[in-house]
């Protein structure tokens, strides 16, 4: 439901930031058909191994 995507993203961001405060999410998708995706960015100060462990 595209009309509720903004609320979902807001709530998901809050939860994600509580659990993984050092990681950043980039949201993207096709709002018209309800597809929503996220990409979790690796902070520069984390090694690849640390990042994969957290995610």
N, C-alpha and C. Protein backbone atom coordinates (compact mmCIF):
# COMPACT_ATOMS: atom_id res chain seq x y z
N UNK A 1 0.83 -1.18 0.00
CA UNK A 1 0.00 0.00 0.00
C UNK A 1 0.88 1.25 0.00
N UNK A 2 1.02 1.90 -1.12
CA UNK A 2 1.88 3.07 -1.21
C UNK A 2 1.55 4.17 -0.21
N UNK A 3 0.30 4.29 0.19
CA UNK A 3 -0.07 5.38 1.10
C UNK A 3 0.50 5.18 2.50
N UNK A 4 0.97 3.99 2.83
CA UNK A 4 1.49 3.72 4.17
C UNK A 4 3.00 3.51 4.17
N UNK A 5 3.64 3.66 3.02
CA UNK A 5 5.08 3.41 2.94
C UNK A 5 5.85 4.39 3.81
N UNK A 6 5.46 5.66 3.82
CA UNK A 6 6.20 6.64 4.62
C UNK A 6 6.18 6.29 6.10
N UNK A 7 5.05 5.82 6.59
CA UNK A 7 4.94 5.41 7.99
C UNK A 7 5.82 4.18 8.26
N UNK A 8 5.79 3.22 7.35
CA UNK A 8 6.61 2.03 7.50
C UNK A 8 8.10 2.39 7.56
N UNK A 9 8.55 3.25 6.64
CA UNK A 9 9.96 3.65 6.61
C UNK A 9 10.34 4.35 7.91
N UNK A 10 9.50 5.24 8.38
CA UNK A 10 9.77 5.96 9.62
C UNK A 10 9.93 4.99 10.80
N UNK A 11 9.02 4.06 10.93
CA UNK A 11 9.08 3.09 12.03
C UNK A 11 10.26 2.13 11.87
N UNK A 12 10.52 1.68 10.66
CA UNK A 12 11.64 0.78 10.41
C UNK A 12 12.97 1.48 10.70
N UNK A 13 13.09 2.74 10.33
CA UNK A 13 14.30 3.51 10.62
C UNK A 13 14.54 3.62 12.13
N UNK A 14 13.49 3.88 12.89
CA UNK A 14 13.62 3.97 14.35
C UNK A 14 14.15 2.66 14.93
N UNK A 15 13.55 1.57 14.52
CA UNK A 15 13.97 0.26 15.03
C UNK A 15 15.39 -0.07 14.59
N UNK A 16 15.70 0.15 13.34
CA UNK A 16 17.03 -0.13 12.82
C UNK A 16 18.08 0.69 13.57
N UNK A 17 17.79 1.97 13.82
CA UNK A 17 18.74 2.83 14.52
C UNK A 17 18.94 2.44 15.98
N UNK A 18 17.94 1.84 16.59
CA UNK A 18 18.10 1.33 17.96
C UNK A 18 19.05 0.14 17.99
N UNK A 19 18.94 -0.73 17.01
CA UNK A 19 19.74 -1.95 16.99
C UNK A 19 21.12 -1.72 16.38
N UNK A 20 21.18 -0.94 15.32
CA UNK A 20 22.42 -0.70 14.58
C UNK A 20 22.64 0.80 14.40
N UNK A 21 22.98 1.52 15.46
CA UNK A 21 23.07 2.98 15.37
C UNK A 21 24.18 3.49 14.44
N UNK A 22 25.19 2.68 14.13
CA UNK A 22 26.30 3.14 13.30
C UNK A 22 26.10 2.88 11.81
N UNK A 23 25.03 2.19 11.46
CA UNK A 23 24.80 1.87 10.05
C UNK A 23 23.73 2.79 9.47
N UNK A 24 23.80 2.99 8.17
CA UNK A 24 22.85 3.88 7.49
C UNK A 24 22.07 3.10 6.43
N UNK A 25 20.79 3.38 6.35
CA UNK A 25 19.92 2.75 5.35
C UNK A 25 19.61 3.75 4.25
N UNK A 26 19.66 3.28 3.03
CA UNK A 26 19.17 4.03 1.88
C UNK A 26 17.96 3.27 1.35
N UNK A 27 16.81 3.92 1.34
CA UNK A 27 15.56 3.30 0.87
C UNK A 27 15.37 3.62 -0.61
N UNK A 28 14.88 2.64 -1.35
CA UNK A 28 14.54 2.88 -2.75
C UNK A 28 13.49 1.86 -3.17
N UNK A 29 12.88 2.10 -4.29
CA UNK A 29 11.88 1.15 -4.77
C UNK A 29 10.96 1.77 -5.79
N UNK A 30 9.86 1.08 -5.98
CA UNK A 30 8.85 1.48 -6.95
C UNK A 30 7.56 1.72 -6.17
N UNK A 31 7.40 2.92 -5.70
CA UNK A 31 6.29 3.24 -4.81
C UNK A 31 4.95 2.97 -5.47
N UNK A 32 4.84 3.19 -6.75
CA UNK A 32 3.57 2.98 -7.44
C UNK A 32 3.05 1.56 -7.35
N UNK A 33 3.95 0.59 -7.32
CA UNK A 33 3.50 -0.80 -7.21
C UNK A 33 3.82 -1.42 -5.85
N UNK A 34 4.30 -0.60 -4.91
CA UNK A 34 4.49 -1.06 -3.55
C UNK A 34 5.81 -1.76 -3.27
N UNK A 35 6.69 -1.86 -4.25
CA UNK A 35 8.00 -2.48 -4.00
C UNK A 35 8.88 -1.51 -3.24
N UNK A 36 9.48 -2.00 -2.18
CA UNK A 36 10.36 -1.17 -1.36
C UNK A 36 11.59 -2.00 -1.02
N UNK A 37 12.75 -1.39 -1.16
CA UNK A 37 14.01 -2.08 -0.93
C UNK A 37 14.87 -1.20 -0.04
N UNK A 38 15.85 -1.82 0.61
CA UNK A 38 16.79 -1.03 1.37
C UNK A 38 18.20 -1.49 1.09
N UNK A 39 19.11 -0.56 1.21
CA UNK A 39 20.52 -0.83 1.04
C UNK A 39 21.20 -0.34 2.32
N UNK A 40 21.95 -1.22 2.97
CA UNK A 40 22.63 -0.86 4.21
C UNK A 40 24.06 -0.48 3.86
N UNK A 41 24.44 0.75 4.18
CA UNK A 41 25.77 1.25 3.84
C UNK A 41 26.78 0.91 4.92
N UNK A 42 27.98 0.53 4.50
CA UNK A 42 29.07 0.22 5.42
C UNK A 42 29.78 1.50 5.81
N UNK A 43 29.85 1.80 7.12
CA UNK A 43 30.60 2.97 7.55
C UNK A 43 32.09 2.80 7.24
N UNK A 44 32.76 3.90 6.95
CA UNK A 44 34.18 3.86 6.60
C UNK A 44 35.04 3.28 7.72
N UNK A 45 34.60 3.45 8.97
CA UNK A 45 35.42 3.01 10.09
C UNK A 45 35.25 1.52 10.43
N UNK A 46 34.42 0.79 9.71
CA UNK A 46 34.24 -0.64 9.95
C UNK A 46 34.91 -1.45 8.85
N UNK A 47 35.56 -2.53 9.24
CA UNK A 47 36.11 -3.44 8.23
C UNK A 47 34.96 -4.19 7.57
N UNK A 48 35.24 -4.80 6.45
CA UNK A 48 34.23 -5.59 5.76
C UNK A 48 33.71 -6.71 6.66
N UNK A 49 34.60 -7.35 7.39
CA UNK A 49 34.22 -8.45 8.27
C UNK A 49 33.30 -7.98 9.39
N UNK A 50 33.64 -6.83 10.00
CA UNK A 50 32.79 -6.28 11.07
C UNK A 50 31.41 -5.93 10.54
N UNK A 51 31.39 -5.33 9.36
CA UNK A 51 30.11 -4.94 8.75
C UNK A 51 29.25 -6.17 8.46
N UNK A 52 29.84 -7.19 7.89
CA UNK A 52 29.08 -8.41 7.58
C UNK A 52 28.59 -9.09 8.85
N UNK A 53 29.38 -9.03 9.90
CA UNK A 53 28.95 -9.59 11.17
C UNK A 53 27.73 -8.85 11.72
N UNK A 54 27.74 -7.53 11.63
CA UNK A 54 26.61 -6.73 12.12
C UNK A 54 25.36 -6.91 11.27
N UNK A 55 25.55 -7.08 9.98
CA UNK A 55 24.38 -7.16 9.11
C UNK A 55 23.96 -8.59 8.93
